[in-house]
Amino acid sequence: MQVLVHGGAGSDPDEPAPRQAVLDEAAETGAATSDPVDAVEAAIHVLESSPRFNAGVGSAVQSDGAIRTDAGIMTDDRAVGAACSMPNVEHAVSVARVVMEETPHGFISGEHAVTLAEAFDIETGVDLWSERTREKWAETEQDRPTGGAASELEWIQDQYGQTDPGGRDEEAGEDGGATRTDQTETGARDGDLDHDTVGAVAFDGEHLAAATSTGGRWLALAGRVGDVPQVGSGFYCSPAAAVSATGAGEDIARVTLSRRVARHVERGLDADAAAELAIDEFAELTGSTAGVIAVDSSGTLGSAFNSSMMQTGRATTR
């Protein structure tokens, strides 16, 4: 079994060594299983239980002070499951797996996803706040608006440093397309948004699987759902490759980044070259930061990012 995991693409973490230790543990835990689906779920469980990442415990907080988790999972036969907007659910990836394996659907949201989790004995009602997120949320107390939805939205846009609701600059690029402000130069810096989404890909020599889990973007509008549970965006798997993405979620969804990586593999590139090319294309199209990990059907592992940092862990068993 080959397993590759990531801990998000963003700014340099304060304590990279302890985070790397958790990533290595996650990869080793996944590699100890005998099935790629079990592998990605087991690996992500380790990361969801660590407050060092933006998934499960330690997830980002939305504008109303609630933590909601999202995840998606997919196999090389294109079976897919996703769940989103789940308050107090630590192991979102397990809910996504239930959707994939136990329902005729591909995507379940909100309280109904929580109810489904309970029906399959996935723990709910979990306190997902960490010391880090409590301190960070407390820092916003003086600035949070009290004037209703309009003032809240204006506040959120100011936090994100946007010039319009789409997050684009006022001027078009040289080719006439809209360009995006580099978030590291605005009020919404990568680290402030907790781009520490987690993901895993696995290959057992015959089959592939991919999964991604997140707590979303810091101070996003309540109910916001990003790229992570959207098939082809935050995760994707085909007979050619398994891919997990992380970074600026809205832009990842706009260009279906994970599907883009798999398509490059289908056209003849290995996973590493496909990841590099897709990130180059992503940067050119959006001006934003992201990262991807992938494994192809030949067993080649690949990763690429254009942010300051994307830590990964990998493990292999025979």
Protein backbone atom coordinates (compact mmCIF):
# COMPACT_ATOMS: atom_id res chain seq x y z
CA MET A 1 0.00 0.00 0.00
CA GLN A 2 1.22 3.48 -0.87
CA VAL A 3 -0.27 6.42 1.00
CA LEU A 4 0.45 10.13 0.57
CA VAL A 5 -1.17 12.73 2.85
CA HIS A 6 -1.12 16.52 3.06
CA GLY A 7 -1.78 19.02 5.83
CA GLY A 8 -2.84 21.99 3.73
CA ALA A 9 -1.23 24.60 1.50
CA GLY A 10 -0.71 27.95 3.20
CA SER A 11 1.82 29.97 5.14
CA ASP A 12 4.72 28.51 7.10
CA PRO A 13 3.34 26.79 10.24
CA ASP A 14 4.52 27.88 13.68
CA GLU A 15 5.57 24.36 14.66
CA PRO A 16 6.35 22.37 11.52
CA ALA A 17 8.06 19.45 13.27
CA PRO A 18 5.08 18.36 15.42
CA ARG A 19 2.78 18.75 12.42
CA GLN A 20 5.11 16.61 10.33
CA ALA A 21 5.08 13.93 13.00
CA VAL A 22 1.28 13.76 12.81
CA LEU A 23 1.36 13.62 9.01
CA ASP A 24 3.88 10.77 9.13
CA GLU A 25 1.71 8.93 11.66
CA ALA A 26 -1.32 9.42 9.43
CA ALA A 27 0.44 8.03 6.37
CA GLU A 28 1.75 5.03 8.30
CA THR A 29 -1.69 4.35 9.78
CA GLY A 30 -3.24 4.38 6.33
CA ALA A 31 -0.52 2.21 4.82
CA ALA A 32 -1.10 -0.45 7.49
CA THR A 33 -4.56 -1.19 6.05
CA SER A 34 -5.29 -3.56 3.17
CA ASP A 35 -7.73 -1.49 1.11
CA PRO A 36 -7.27 2.01 -0.42
CA VAL A 37 -10.60 3.28 0.93
CA ASP A 38 -9.70 2.07 4.41
CA ALA A 39 -6.29 3.66 3.93
CA VAL A 40 -7.47 7.17 3.12
CA GLU A 41 -10.14 7.07 5.83
CA ALA A 42 -7.71 5.83 8.49
CA ALA A 43 -5.07 8.38 7.52
CA ILE A 44 -7.51 11.27 7.60
CA HIS A 45 -8.91 10.14 10.96
CA VAL A 46 -5.48 10.81 12.48
CA LEU A 47 -5.41 14.30 10.98
CA GLU A 48 -9.02 15.10 11.91
CA SER A 49 -8.21 14.24 15.53
CA SER A 50 -5.23 16.58 15.67
CA PRO A 51 -5.84 20.25 16.62
CA ARG A 52 -2.88 21.20 14.42
CA PHE A 53 -4.96 21.00 11.24
CA ASN A 54 -8.11 22.59 9.87
CA ALA A 55 -10.23 19.45 9.89
CA GLY A 56 -12.19 17.83 12.69
CA VAL A 57 -10.81 19.09 16.00
CA GLY A 58 -9.28 22.53 15.44
CA SER A 59 -11.40 23.38 12.42
CA ALA A 60 -11.93 26.95 11.28
CA VAL A 61 -14.82 28.95 12.73
CA GLN A 62 -17.51 30.49 10.55
CA SER A 63 -18.89 34.00 10.98
CA ASP A 64 -21.65 32.94 13.38
CA GLY A 65 -19.19 31.25 15.75
CA ALA A 66 -20.04 27.71 14.62
CA ILE A 67 -17.67 25.04 13.31
CA ARG A 68 -18.94 23.00 10.37
CA THR A 69 -17.00 20.19 8.71
CA ASP A 70 -16.95 18.93 5.10
CA ALA A 71 -15.38 15.95 3.34
CA GLY A 72 -15.36 13.96 0.12
CA ILE A 73 -14.12 10.52 -0.89
CA MET A 74 -13.84 8.72 -4.24
CA THR A 75 -12.55 5.47 -5.73
CA ASP A 76 -11.13 4.52 -9.12
CA ASP A 77 -14.46 3.07 -10.23
CA ARG A 78 -15.83 6.60 -9.70
CA ALA A 79 -17.90 5.74 -6.65
CA VAL A 80 -18.20 9.01 -4.75
CA GLY A 81 -19.52 10.35 -1.46
CA ALA A 82 -19.49 13.80 0.12
CA ALA A 83 -20.96 15.52 3.16
CA CYS A 84 -20.85 19.16 4.20
CA SER A 85 -21.93 21.80 6.73
CA MET A 86 -21.93 19.36 9.63
CA PRO A 87 -21.73 20.97 13.07
CA ASN A 88 -19.82 19.01 15.72
CA VAL A 89 -18.78 16.08 13.52
CA GLU A 90 -15.10 15.24 13.92
CA HIS A 91 -14.72 12.50 11.34
CA ALA A 92 -16.34 14.07 8.31
CA VAL A 93 -14.52 11.65 6.01
CA SER A 94 -16.41 8.74 7.56
CA VAL A 95 -19.73 10.43 6.85
CA ALA A 96 -18.64 10.92 3.24
CA ARG A 97 -17.82 7.20 3.07
CA VAL A 98 -21.26 6.32 4.39
CA VAL A 99 -22.82 8.47 1.68
CA MET A 100 -20.71 6.66 -0.93
CA GLU A 101 -21.30 3.11 0.29
CA GLU A 102 -24.69 3.14 1.99
CA THR A 103 -26.87 5.61 0.08
CA PRO A 104 -27.96 6.01 -3.57
CA HIS A 105 -26.69 9.59 -3.44
CA GLY A 106 -23.40 11.40 -3.82
CA PHE A 107 -23.76 14.40 -1.51
CA ILE A 108 -25.65 15.01 1.77
CA SER A 109 -25.57 18.30 3.67
CA GLY A 110 -26.19 19.94 7.04
CA GLU A 111 -28.36 18.46 9.75
CA HIS A 112 -29.40 15.61 7.47
CA ALA A 113 -25.76 14.55 7.10
CA VAL A 114 -25.44 14.64 10.89
CA THR A 115 -28.53 12.46 11.26
CA LEU A 116 -27.04 10.02 8.75
CA ALA A 117 -23.81 9.95 10.73
CA GLU A 118 -25.72 9.08 13.90
CA ALA A 119 -27.55 6.25 12.11
CA PHE A 120 -24.19 4.65 11.28
CA ASP A 121 -22.67 5.16 14.74
CA ILE A 122 -20.34 7.99 13.73
CA GLU A 123 -19.85 10.21 16.76
CA THR A 124 -21.64 13.57 16.68
CA GLY A 125 -21.90 16.40 19.18
CA VAL A 126 -18.10 16.60 19.42
CA ASP A 127 -16.44 19.74 20.76
CA LEU A 128 -14.28 20.75 17.79
CA TRP A 129 -12.79 23.87 19.38
CA SER A 130 -9.07 23.85 20.07
CA GLU A 131 -7.08 26.25 22.23
CA ARG A 132 -5.78 27.85 19.06
CA THR A 133 -9.23 28.48 17.57
CA ARG A 134 -10.69 29.73 20.86
CA GLU A 135 -7.91 32.30 21.18
CA LYS A 136 -8.23 33.34 17.57
CA TRP A 137 -12.01 33.70 17.79
CA ALA A 138 -11.70 35.79 20.95
CA GLU A 139 -9.43 38.19 19.06
CA THR A 140 -12.31 39.05 16.69
CA GLU A 141 -14.81 39.87 19.46
CA GLN A 142 -14.40 43.65 19.30
CA ASP A 143 -14.70 43.73 15.51
CA ARG A 144 -17.62 41.40 14.91
CA PRO A 145 -20.69 43.29 13.61
CA THR A 146 -24.09 43.26 15.29
CA GLY A 147 -26.12 44.99 12.58
CA GLY A 148 -27.50 42.00 10.72
CA ALA A 149 -26.65 40.08 7.54
CA ALA A 150 -25.61 43.08 5.44
CA SER A 151 -23.09 44.38 7.95
CA GLU A 152 -21.82 40.86 8.59
CA LEU A 153 -21.20 40.32 4.88
CA GLU A 154 -19.40 43.66 4.59
CA TRP A 155 -17.21 42.69 7.56
CA ILE A 156 -16.38 39.32 6.03
CA GLN A 157 -15.47 40.87 2.70
CA ASP A 158 -13.20 43.29 4.52
CA GLN A 159 -11.52 40.38 6.33
CA TYR A 160 -10.91 38.68 2.99
CA GLY A 161 -9.51 41.87 1.42
CA GLN A 162 -11.85 41.61 -1.53
CA THR A 163 -12.76 44.37 -3.95
CA ASP A 164 -15.93 42.60 -5.04
CA PRO A 165 -17.93 39.54 -3.88
CA GLY A 166 -16.14 37.34 -6.44
CA GLY A 167 -12.78 38.16 -4.92
CA ARG A 168 -11.25 39.59 -8.09
CA ASP A 169 -9.28 42.73 -8.70
CA GLU A 170 -11.03 45.64 -10.33
CA GLU A 171 -8.70 45.48 -13.32
CA ALA A 172 -8.59 42.70 -15.89
CA GLY A 173 -5.44 40.88 -16.80
CA GLU A 174 -3.61 41.42 -20.06
CA ASP A 175 -5.63 38.71 -21.75
CA GLY A 176 -8.87 40.35 -20.69
CA GLY A 177 -9.59 37.83 -17.96
CA ALA A 178 -10.12 38.81 -14.34
CA THR A 179 -7.15 38.48 -12.04
CA ARG A 180 -7.13 37.87 -8.33
CA THR A 181 -5.30 39.72 -5.60
CA ASP A 182 -2.56 37.67 -3.95
CA GLN A 183 -4.06 36.96 -0.56
CA THR A 184 -0.70 37.24 1.12
CA GLU A 185 -0.83 40.96 0.31
CA THR A 186 -4.35 41.59 1.59
CA GLY A 187 -6.19 41.45 4.88
CA ALA A 188 -6.97 37.78 4.34
CA ARG A 189 -3.56 36.19 4.56
CA ASP A 190 -3.15 32.47 3.98
CA GLY A 191 -2.35 31.72 7.60
CA ASP A 192 -5.28 33.77 8.86
CA LEU A 193 -7.67 31.70 6.79
CA ASP A 194 -6.39 28.38 8.12
CA HIS A 195 -5.76 26.68 4.79
CA ASP A 196 -4.82 23.53 6.70
CA THR A 197 -7.30 21.25 4.96
CA VAL A 198 -6.17 17.61 5.04
CA GLY A 199 -6.23 14.95 2.38
CA ALA A 200 -4.97 11.50 1.43
CA VAL A 201 -4.50 9.36 -1.65
CA ALA A 202 -3.76 5.64 -1.71
CA PHE A 203 -2.81 2.86 -4.14
CA ASP A 204 -2.54 -0.84 -3.33
CA GLY A 205 -1.03 -1.93 -6.64
CA GLU A 206 -4.45 -2.42 -8.18
CA HIS A 207 -6.94 0.17 -6.93
CA LEU A 208 -6.89 3.89 -6.06
CA ALA A 209 -8.77 6.11 -3.61
CA ALA A 210 -8.73 9.78 -2.65
CA ALA A 211 -10.29 11.78 0.18
CA THR A 212 -10.18 15.33 1.56
CA SER A 213 -11.54 16.77 4.82
CA THR A 214 -11.82 20.33 6.12
CA GLY A 215 -13.26 22.81 8.56
CA GLY A 216 -13.50 25.40 5.78
CA ARG A 217 -12.19 28.97 5.67
CA TRP A 218 -11.70 31.06 8.76
CA LEU A 219 -14.54 33.57 9.28
CA ALA A 220 -16.37 32.44 6.16
CA LEU A 221 -20.02 33.42 5.91
CA ALA A 222 -22.08 30.97 7.97
CA GLY A 223 -23.07 28.07 5.76
CA ARG A 224 -20.29 28.59 3.22
CA VAL A 225 -19.18 25.41 1.46
CA GLY A 226 -15.89 25.41 -0.41
CA ASP A 227 -14.15 23.08 -2.81
CA VAL A 228 -13.45 20.16 -0.49
CA PRO A 229 -16.73 18.22 -0.80
CA GLN A 230 -17.14 19.07 -4.49
CA VAL A 231 -16.09 16.16 -6.68
CA GLY A 232 -13.42 17.20 -9.16
CA SER A 233 -12.44 20.20 -7.08
CA GLY A 234 -11.23 19.20 -3.61
CA PHE A 235 -10.89 15.52 -4.51
CA TYR A 236 -11.09 13.22 -7.51
CA CYS A 237 -10.31 9.65 -8.46
CA SER A 238 -10.38 7.80 -11.77
CA PRO A 239 -8.72 4.62 -13.06
CA ALA A 240 -5.72 6.84 -13.90
CA ALA A 241 -5.10 8.79 -10.68
CA ALA A 242 -6.27 9.73 -7.19
CA VAL A 243 -5.98 13.41 -6.24
CA SER A 244 -6.57 15.64 -3.19
CA ALA A 245 -6.38 19.44 -3.30
CA THR A 246 -6.01 22.23 -0.75
CA GLY A 247 -5.84 26.02 -0.78
CA ALA A 248 -8.07 28.85 -2.00
CA GLY A 249 -11.32 26.92 -2.14
CA GLU A 250 -13.45 29.12 -4.36
CA ASP A 251 -10.72 29.24 -7.00
CA ILE A 252 -10.03 25.51 -6.73
CA ALA A 253 -13.71 24.92 -7.47
CA ARG A 254 -13.71 27.38 -10.37
CA VAL A 255 -11.03 25.41 -12.21
CA THR A 256 -11.86 21.90 -10.86
CA LEU A 257 -8.26 21.49 -9.80
CA SER A 258 -8.28 17.82 -8.78
CA ARG A 259 -9.97 16.75 -12.00
CA ARG A 260 -7.39 18.78 -13.91
CA VAL A 261 -4.55 16.77 -12.35
CA ALA A 262 -6.23 13.45 -13.20
CA ARG A 263 -6.86 14.61 -16.76
CA HIS A 264 -3.18 15.34 -17.26
CA VAL A 265 -2.37 11.80 -16.08
CA GLU A 266 -4.96 10.41 -18.48
CA ARG A 267 -3.16 12.28 -21.26
CA GLY A 268 0.15 10.60 -20.46
CA LEU A 269 1.90 12.48 -17.66
CA ASP A 270 2.88 10.78 -14.41
CA ALA A 271 1.36 12.00 -11.14
CA ASP A 272 4.22 14.31 -10.25
CA ALA A 273 4.41 16.04 -13.62
CA ALA A 274 0.61 16.31 -13.72
CA ALA A 275 0.52 17.95 -10.30
CA GLU A 276 3.18 20.49 -11.27
CA LEU A 277 1.43 21.38 -14.52
CA ALA A 278 -1.98 21.73 -12.87
CA ILE A 279 -0.62 24.05 -10.18
CA ASP A 280 1.09 26.18 -12.83
CA GLU A 281 -2.19 26.42 -14.72
CA PHE A 282 -4.09 27.18 -11.53
CA ALA A 283 -1.75 30.05 -10.66
CA GLU A 284 -2.03 31.50 -14.15
CA LEU A 285 -5.81 31.25 -14.19
CA THR A 286 -6.53 32.53 -10.68
CA GLY A 287 -3.47 34.17 -9.14
CA SER A 288 -4.25 32.24 -5.95
CA THR A 289 -2.42 29.62 -3.92
CA ALA A 290 -3.13 25.90 -3.77
CA GLY A 291 -1.51 22.51 -3.48
CA VAL A 292 -2.26 19.00 -4.69
CA ILE A 293 -1.13 15.46 -3.98
CA ALA A 294 -1.68 12.54 -6.34
CA VAL A 295 -0.85 8.92 -7.05
CA ASP A 296 -1.27 7.31 -10.45
CA SER A 297 -2.03 3.75 -11.52
CA SER A 298 1.67 3.06 -12.00
CA GLY A 299 2.32 3.88 -8.36
CA THR A 300 4.05 7.21 -8.96
CA LEU A 301 3.42 9.72 -6.18
CA GLY A 302 3.22 13.42 -6.93
CA SER A 303 2.75 16.73 -5.17
CA ALA A 304 2.99 20.42 -6.02
CA PHE A 305 2.08 23.74 -4.43
CA ASN A 306 2.56 27.46 -5.01
CA SER A 307 2.00 28.62 -1.42
CA SER A 308 4.73 29.15 1.15
CA MET A 309 4.38 25.63 2.51
CA MET A 310 2.55 22.34 2.04
CA GLN A 311 3.66 19.58 4.37
CA THR A 312 3.13 15.99 3.27
CA GLY A 313 3.73 12.54 4.67
CA ARG A 314 4.11 9.26 2.85
CA ALA A 315 4.35 5.60 3.71
CA THR A 316 4.61 2.33 1.81
CA THR A 317 4.04 -1.27 2.85
CA ARG A 318 4.44 -4.39 0.80
